[in-house]
Amino acid sequence: MSHYYQTDPNLDTTEFPITFEIDNRTFTLNSSAGVFSKEGLDTGSRILVETLLEKAKPVTDLLDLGCGIGVIGLILATAWNCRITGIDPNGQACHLASKNYAKYNVQATVLEQDHLDDQDYPMIVLNPPIRTGKQVIYSLFEQSAAHLLPGGSLWIVIRKQHGAQSAMDKLRELGLETNRVTRDKGFWVIEARKPEAR
């Protein structure tokens, strides 16, 4: 099955601008066919970012897992002045993310891959690629849990109807202190925190 969480070599990669407002700021980014939410800021990502800006403690280093064209990381980086690592297996999305980060002078590393490397992070943000299925999503949860610094948090947004409660249960199984922070328009924003080292 074709979906945006992979590279489609037959894709029309013609780029076009998208503009959206959030946090009293206007962003204009490059987008194209074959990437997630190609026409603008999707509702789930908006709810996740608004929750983070309101309730999360800013960090200096952030992983945007499944970064797409860089929307979530870019908004947070420009608000918090933090460094971004973006990971996505979609080559076109990574190309666009790199351009978008550079346009806004964000210090960023973009990696075209579907797994995490050895680095650990104080915060990981994820709008899970629902179309890929539970096995892929839970693998991303497992990798995230392994690559959080003690006291660090994984923040996700997921629709209740797409398995938000089972996602919370899985994150708790991984030893993370898991709470629903926001519920809005059918979406849950979940924080899963790695306990401090004893």
C-alpha atoms as a PDB file:
ATOM      1  CA  MET A   1       0.000   0.000   0.000  1.00  0.00           C
ATOM      2  CA  SER A   2       1.326   3.419  -0.931  1.00  0.00           C
ATOM      3  CA  HIS A   3       1.336   6.093   1.765  1.00  0.00           C
ATOM      4  CA  TYR A   4       3.249   9.232   2.681  1.00  0.00           C
ATOM      5  CA  TYR A   5       5.519   7.429   5.187  1.00  0.00           C
ATOM      6  CA  GLN A   6       7.725   6.136   2.364  1.00  0.00           C
ATOM      7  CA  THR A   7       9.338   7.464  -0.808  1.00  0.00           C
ATOM      8  CA  ASP A   8       7.402   7.172  -4.074  1.00  0.00           C
ATOM      9  CA  PRO A   9       9.930   7.330  -6.961  1.00  0.00           C
ATOM     10  CA  ASN A  10       7.153   8.117  -9.486  1.00  0.00           C
ATOM     11  CA  LEU A  11       6.020  11.211  -7.621  1.00  0.00           C
ATOM     12  CA  ASP A  12       5.575  14.643  -9.173  1.00  0.00           C
ATOM     13  CA  THR A  13       7.951  16.629  -6.960  1.00  0.00           C
ATOM     14  CA  THR A  14       6.840  20.064  -8.150  1.00  0.00           C
ATOM     15  CA  GLU A  15       7.040  22.313  -5.101  1.00  0.00           C
ATOM     16  CA  PHE A  16       4.462  24.875  -4.033  1.00  0.00           C
ATOM     17  CA  PRO A  17       4.107  27.201  -1.029  1.00  0.00           C
ATOM     18  CA  ILE A  18       1.731  26.632   1.872  1.00  0.00           C
ATOM     19  CA  THR A  19       0.962  29.326   4.436  1.00  0.00           C
ATOM     20  CA  PHE A  20      -0.571  28.952   7.891  1.00  0.00           C
ATOM     21  CA  GLU A  21      -0.827  30.892  11.127  1.00  0.00           C
ATOM     22  CA  ILE A  22      -0.144  29.577  14.622  1.00  0.00           C
ATOM     23  CA  ASP A  23       1.022  31.161  17.881  1.00  0.00           C
ATOM     24  CA  ASN A  24       0.339  34.621  16.394  1.00  0.00           C
ATOM     25  CA  ARG A  25       2.920  33.936  13.688  1.00  0.00           C
ATOM     26  CA  THR A  26       2.644  33.253   9.966  1.00  0.00           C
ATOM     27  CA  PHE A  27       4.720  30.548   8.296  1.00  0.00           C
ATOM     28  CA  THR A  28       5.188  29.920   4.574  1.00  0.00           C
ATOM     29  CA  LEU A  29       6.777  26.561   3.784  1.00  0.00           C
ATOM     30  CA  ASN A  30       7.598  24.516   0.695  1.00  0.00           C
ATOM     31  CA  SER A  31       5.415  21.466   0.075  1.00  0.00           C
ATOM     32  CA  SER A  32       4.676  18.998  -2.735  1.00  0.00           C
ATOM     33  CA  ALA A  33       2.681  15.898  -3.565  1.00  0.00           C
ATOM     34  CA  GLY A  34       3.470  12.689  -1.685  1.00  0.00           C
ATOM     35  CA  VAL A  35       3.985  14.200   1.773  1.00  0.00           C
ATOM     36  CA  PHE A  36       1.748  14.273   4.838  1.00  0.00           C
ATOM     37  CA  SER A  37      -0.761  17.142   4.968  1.00  0.00           C
ATOM     38  CA  LYS A  38       0.654  18.691   1.804  1.00  0.00           C
ATOM     39  CA  GLU A  39      -1.890  21.549   1.744  1.00  0.00           C
ATOM     40  CA  GLY A  40      -1.194  23.026   5.183  1.00  0.00           C
ATOM     41  CA  LEU A  41      -1.066  22.476   8.925  1.00  0.00           C
ATOM     42  CA  ASP A  42      -3.266  19.496   9.824  1.00  0.00           C
ATOM     43  CA  THR A  43      -5.556  19.591  12.850  1.00  0.00           C
ATOM     44  CA  GLY A  44      -3.659  16.985  14.877  1.00  0.00           C
ATOM     45  CA  SER A  45      -0.297  18.701  14.453  1.00  0.00           C
ATOM     46  CA  ARG A  46      -1.861  22.066  15.310  1.00  0.00           C
ATOM     47  CA  ILE A  47      -3.350  20.677  18.529  1.00  0.00           C
ATOM     48  CA  LEU A  48      -0.035  19.009  19.438  1.00  0.00           C
ATOM     49  CA  VAL A  49       1.995  22.184  18.854  1.00  0.00           C
ATOM     50  CA  GLU A  50      -0.467  24.427  20.680  1.00  0.00           C
ATOM     51  CA  THR A  51      -0.402  22.041  23.654  1.00  0.00           C
ATOM     52  CA  LEU A  52       3.401  21.953  23.691  1.00  0.00           C
ATOM     53  CA  LEU A  53       3.703  25.733  23.501  1.00  0.00           C
ATOM     54  CA  GLU A  54       1.230  26.115  26.363  1.00  0.00           C
ATOM     55  CA  LYS A  55       2.181  23.252  28.677  1.00  0.00           C
ATOM     56  CA  ALA A  56       5.630  21.835  27.911  1.00  0.00           C
ATOM     57  CA  LYS A  57       8.900  23.103  29.298  1.00  0.00           C
ATOM     58  CA  PRO A  58      11.089  24.280  26.374  1.00  0.00           C
ATOM     59  CA  VAL A  59      14.114  22.136  25.555  1.00  0.00           C
ATOM     60  CA  THR A  60      17.358  22.902  23.735  1.00  0.00           C
ATOM     61  CA  ASP A  61      17.385  19.692  21.667  1.00  0.00           C
ATOM     62  CA  LEU A  62      14.339  18.053  20.094  1.00  0.00           C
ATOM     63  CA  LEU A  63      13.624  15.033  17.893  1.00  0.00           C
ATOM     64  CA  ASP A  64      10.736  15.402  15.435  1.00  0.00           C
ATOM     65  CA  LEU A  65      10.070  11.747  14.598  1.00  0.00           C
ATOM     66  CA  GLY A  66       8.252  11.351  11.290  1.00  0.00           C
ATOM     67  CA  CYS A  67       9.035  15.003  10.627  1.00  0.00           C
ATOM     68  CA  GLY A  68       7.402  15.244   7.203  1.00  0.00           C
ATOM     69  CA  ILE A  69       8.196  18.659   5.704  1.00  0.00           C
ATOM     70  CA  GLY A  70       9.324  19.922   9.109  1.00  0.00           C
ATOM     71  CA  VAL A  71       6.195  21.685  10.346  1.00  0.00           C
ATOM     72  CA  ILE A  72       6.143  20.672  14.035  1.00  0.00           C
ATOM     73  CA  GLY A  73       9.879  20.980  14.581  1.00  0.00           C
ATOM     74  CA  LEU A  74      10.025  24.309  12.782  1.00  0.00           C
ATOM     75  CA  ILE A  75       7.293  25.917  14.880  1.00  0.00           C
ATOM     76  CA  LEU A  76       8.837  24.684  18.131  1.00  0.00           C
ATOM     77  CA  ALA A  77      12.398  25.585  17.111  1.00  0.00           C
ATOM     78  CA  THR A  78      11.461  29.155  16.257  1.00  0.00           C
ATOM     79  CA  ALA A  79       9.528  29.519  19.532  1.00  0.00           C
ATOM     80  CA  TRP A  80      12.099  27.855  21.805  1.00  0.00           C
ATOM     81  CA  ASN A  81      15.352  28.503  19.909  1.00  0.00           C
ATOM     82  CA  CYS A  82      16.146  24.792  20.066  1.00  0.00           C
ATOM     83  CA  ARG A  83      18.062  22.443  17.806  1.00  0.00           C
ATOM     84  CA  ILE A  84      16.011  19.955  15.757  1.00  0.00           C
ATOM     85  CA  THR A  85      16.703  16.463  14.520  1.00  0.00           C
ATOM     86  CA  GLY A  86      14.092  15.415  11.963  1.00  0.00           C
ATOM     87  CA  ILE A  87      13.712  11.774  10.952  1.00  0.00           C
ATOM     88  CA  ASP A  88      11.455  10.529   8.145  1.00  0.00           C
ATOM     89  CA  PRO A  89      11.745   7.660   5.622  1.00  0.00           C
ATOM     90  CA  ASN A  90      10.166   9.790   2.869  1.00  0.00           C
ATOM     91  CA  GLY A  91      13.007  11.310   0.850  1.00  0.00           C
ATOM     92  CA  GLN A  92      10.871  14.082  -0.658  1.00  0.00           C
ATOM     93  CA  ALA A  93       9.626  15.088   2.802  1.00  0.00           C
ATOM     94  CA  CYS A  94      13.218  15.215   4.084  1.00  0.00           C
ATOM     95  CA  HIS A  95      14.288  17.359   1.124  1.00  0.00           C
ATOM     96  CA  LEU A  96      11.485  19.818   1.873  1.00  0.00           C
ATOM     97  CA  ALA A  97      12.132  19.781   5.627  1.00  0.00           C
ATOM     98  CA  SER A  98      15.772  20.723   5.032  1.00  0.00           C
ATOM     99  CA  LYS A  99      14.717  23.641   2.822  1.00  0.00           C
ATOM    100  CA  ASN A 100      12.083  24.807   5.289  1.00  0.00           C
ATOM    101  CA  TYR A 101      14.434  24.672   8.280  1.00  0.00           C
ATOM    102  CA  ALA A 102      17.073  26.605   6.326  1.00  0.00           C
ATOM    103  CA  LYS A 103      14.534  29.258   5.298  1.00  0.00           C
ATOM    104  CA  TYR A 104      13.835  29.999   8.973  1.00  0.00           C
ATOM    105  CA  ASN A 105      17.479  29.662  10.086  1.00  0.00           C
ATOM    106  CA  VAL A 106      16.727  26.657  12.279  1.00  0.00           C
ATOM    107  CA  GLN A 107      19.702  24.583  13.382  1.00  0.00           C
ATOM    108  CA  ALA A 108      18.597  21.166  12.138  1.00  0.00           C
ATOM    109  CA  THR A 109      19.754  17.746  11.031  1.00  0.00           C
ATOM    110  CA  VAL A 110      17.388  15.820   8.759  1.00  0.00           C
ATOM    111  CA  LEU A 111      17.823  12.061   8.372  1.00  0.00           C
ATOM    112  CA  GLU A 112      16.062   9.982   5.715  1.00  0.00           C
ATOM    113  CA  GLN A 113      15.463   6.773   7.676  1.00  0.00           C
ATOM    114  CA  ASP A 114      12.770   4.908   9.607  1.00  0.00           C
ATOM    115  CA  HIS A 115      14.729   4.282  12.811  1.00  0.00           C
ATOM    116  CA  LEU A 116      16.510   6.171  15.562  1.00  0.00           C
ATOM    117  CA  ASP A 117      20.291   6.205  15.924  1.00  0.00           C
ATOM    118  CA  ASP A 118      22.306   6.240  19.146  1.00  0.00           C
ATOM    119  CA  GLN A 119      21.487   9.763  20.319  1.00  0.00           C
ATOM    120  CA  ASP A 120      19.152  10.306  23.288  1.00  0.00           C
ATOM    121  CA  TYR A 121      16.817  13.307  23.582  1.00  0.00           C
ATOM    122  CA  PRO A 122      15.070  15.350  26.277  1.00  0.00           C
ATOM    123  CA  MET A 123      11.966  15.517  24.061  1.00  0.00           C
ATOM    124  CA  ILE A 124      10.584  13.558  21.124  1.00  0.00           C
ATOM    125  CA  VAL A 125       7.452  14.689  19.258  1.00  0.00           C
ATOM    126  CA  LEU A 126       5.419  12.365  17.050  1.00  0.00           C
ATOM    127  CA  ASN A 127       2.238  12.623  15.017  1.00  0.00           C
ATOM    128  CA  PRO A 128       2.116   8.877  14.278  1.00  0.00           C
ATOM    129  CA  PRO A 129       1.750   7.706  10.653  1.00  0.00           C
ATOM    130  CA  ILE A 130      -1.598   5.986  11.272  1.00  0.00           C
ATOM    131  CA  ARG A 131      -1.876   4.464   7.774  1.00  0.00           C
ATOM    132  CA  THR A 132       1.235   2.355   8.367  1.00  0.00           C
ATOM    133  CA  GLY A 133      -0.516   0.279  11.038  1.00  0.00           C
ATOM    134  CA  LYS A 134      -0.041  -0.500  14.701  1.00  0.00           C
ATOM    135  CA  GLN A 135       3.170  -2.522  14.247  1.00  0.00           C
ATOM    136  CA  VAL A 136       5.072   0.434  12.773  1.00  0.00           C
ATOM    137  CA  ILE A 137       3.615   2.903  15.269  1.00  0.00           C
ATOM    138  CA  TYR A 138       4.426   0.724  18.279  1.00  0.00           C
ATOM    139  CA  SER A 139       7.962   0.258  16.953  1.00  0.00           C
ATOM    140  CA  LEU A 140       8.296   4.056  16.931  1.00  0.00           C
ATOM    141  CA  PHE A 141       7.036   4.116  20.541  1.00  0.00           C
ATOM    142  CA  GLU A 142       9.586   1.449  21.529  1.00  0.00           C
ATOM    143  CA  GLN A 143      12.459   3.259  19.849  1.00  0.00           C
ATOM    144  CA  SER A 144      11.394   6.553  21.409  1.00  0.00           C
ATOM    145  CA  ALA A 145      11.264   5.037  24.898  1.00  0.00           C
ATOM    146  CA  ALA A 146      14.798   3.711  24.393  1.00  0.00           C
ATOM    147  CA  HIS A 147      16.107   7.108  23.239  1.00  0.00           C
ATOM    148  CA  LEU A 148      14.637   9.443  25.842  1.00  0.00           C
ATOM    149  CA  LEU A 149      16.956  10.909  28.422  1.00  0.00           C
ATOM    150  CA  PRO A 150      15.883  10.273  32.034  1.00  0.00           C
ATOM    151  CA  GLY A 151      13.131  12.789  32.754  1.00  0.00           C
ATOM    152  CA  GLY A 152      12.561  13.289  29.024  1.00  0.00           C
ATOM    153  CA  SER A 153       9.161  13.061  27.357  1.00  0.00           C
ATOM    154  CA  LEU A 154       7.607  11.647  24.216  1.00  0.00           C
ATOM    155  CA  TRP A 155       4.660  13.785  23.117  1.00  0.00           C
ATOM    156  CA  ILE A 156       2.183  12.288  20.644  1.00  0.00           C
ATOM    157  CA  VAL A 157      -1.143  13.281  19.124  1.00  0.00           C
ATOM    158  CA  ILE A 158      -3.610  10.604  18.086  1.00  0.00           C
ATOM    159  CA  ARG A 159      -7.337  10.435  17.427  1.00  0.00           C
ATOM    160  CA  LYS A 160      -9.342   8.586  20.058  1.00  0.00           C
ATOM    161  CA  GLN A 161     -10.903   6.473  17.272  1.00  0.00           C
ATOM    162  CA  HIS A 162      -7.440   5.531  15.976  1.00  0.00           C
ATOM    163  CA  GLY A 163      -6.470   3.857  19.240  1.00  0.00           C
ATOM    164  CA  ALA A 164      -5.481   6.613  21.645  1.00  0.00           C
ATOM    165  CA  GLN A 165      -6.270   4.505  24.719  1.00  0.00           C
ATOM    166  CA  SER A 166      -4.344   1.468  23.453  1.00  0.00           C
ATOM    167  CA  ALA A 167      -1.442   3.795  22.582  1.00  0.00           C
ATOM    168  CA  MET A 168      -1.414   5.002  26.191  1.00  0.00           C
ATOM    169  CA  ASP A 169      -1.487   1.401  27.414  1.00  0.00           C
ATOM    170  CA  LYS A 170       1.465   0.521  25.163  1.00  0.00           C
ATOM    171  CA  LEU A 171       3.483   3.518  26.380  1.00  0.00           C
ATOM    172  CA  ARG A 172       2.842   2.500  29.999  1.00  0.00           C
ATOM    173  CA  GLU A 173       3.997  -1.046  29.158  1.00  0.00           C
ATOM    174  CA  LEU A 174       7.271   0.529  28.028  1.00  0.00           C
ATOM    175  CA  GLY A 175       7.774   1.988  31.511  1.00  0.00           C
ATOM    176  CA  LEU A 176       6.803   5.553  30.659  1.00  0.00           C
ATOM    177  CA  GLU A 177       4.713   7.730  32.982  1.00  0.00           C
ATOM    178  CA  THR A 178       1.852   8.404  30.599  1.00  0.00           C
ATOM    179  CA  ASN A 179      -0.901  11.031  30.800  1.00  0.00           C
ATOM    180  CA  ARG A 180      -3.462  12.540  28.474  1.00  0.00           C
ATOM    181  CA  VAL A 181      -2.685  16.266  28.517  1.00  0.00           C
ATOM    182  CA  THR A 182      -5.265  17.557  26.016  1.00  0.00           C
ATOM    183  CA  ARG A 183      -8.455  16.277  24.433  1.00  0.00           C
ATOM    184  CA  ASP A 184      -9.693  18.382  21.505  1.00  0.00           C
ATOM    185  CA  LYS A 185     -11.740  17.692  18.339  1.00  0.00           C
ATOM    186  CA  GLY A 186     -11.410  13.924  18.852  1.00  0.00           C
ATOM    187  CA  PHE A 187      -7.620  14.124  19.265  1.00  0.00           C
ATOM    188  CA  TRP A 188      -5.682  13.230  22.398  1.00  0.00           C
ATOM    189  CA  VAL A 189      -2.299  14.746  23.160  1.00  0.00           C
ATOM    190  CA  ILE A 190      -0.349  12.304  25.299  1.00  0.00           C
ATOM    191  CA  GLU A 191       2.845  12.895  27.262  1.00  0.00           C
ATOM    192  CA  ALA A 192       4.889   9.784  28.060  1.00  0.00           C
ATOM    193  CA  ARG A 193       7.736  10.614  30.430  1.00  0.00           C
ATOM    194  CA  LYS A 194      10.792   8.494  31.157  1.00  0.00           C
ATOM    195  CA  PRO A 195      11.365   8.315  34.928  1.00  0.00           C
ATOM    196  CA  GLU A 196      14.383  10.103  36.355  1.00  0.00           C
ATOM    197  CA  ALA A 197      17.402   7.891  37.000  1.00  0.00           C
ATOM    198  CA  ARG A 198      17.596   6.748  40.623  1.00  0.00           C
END
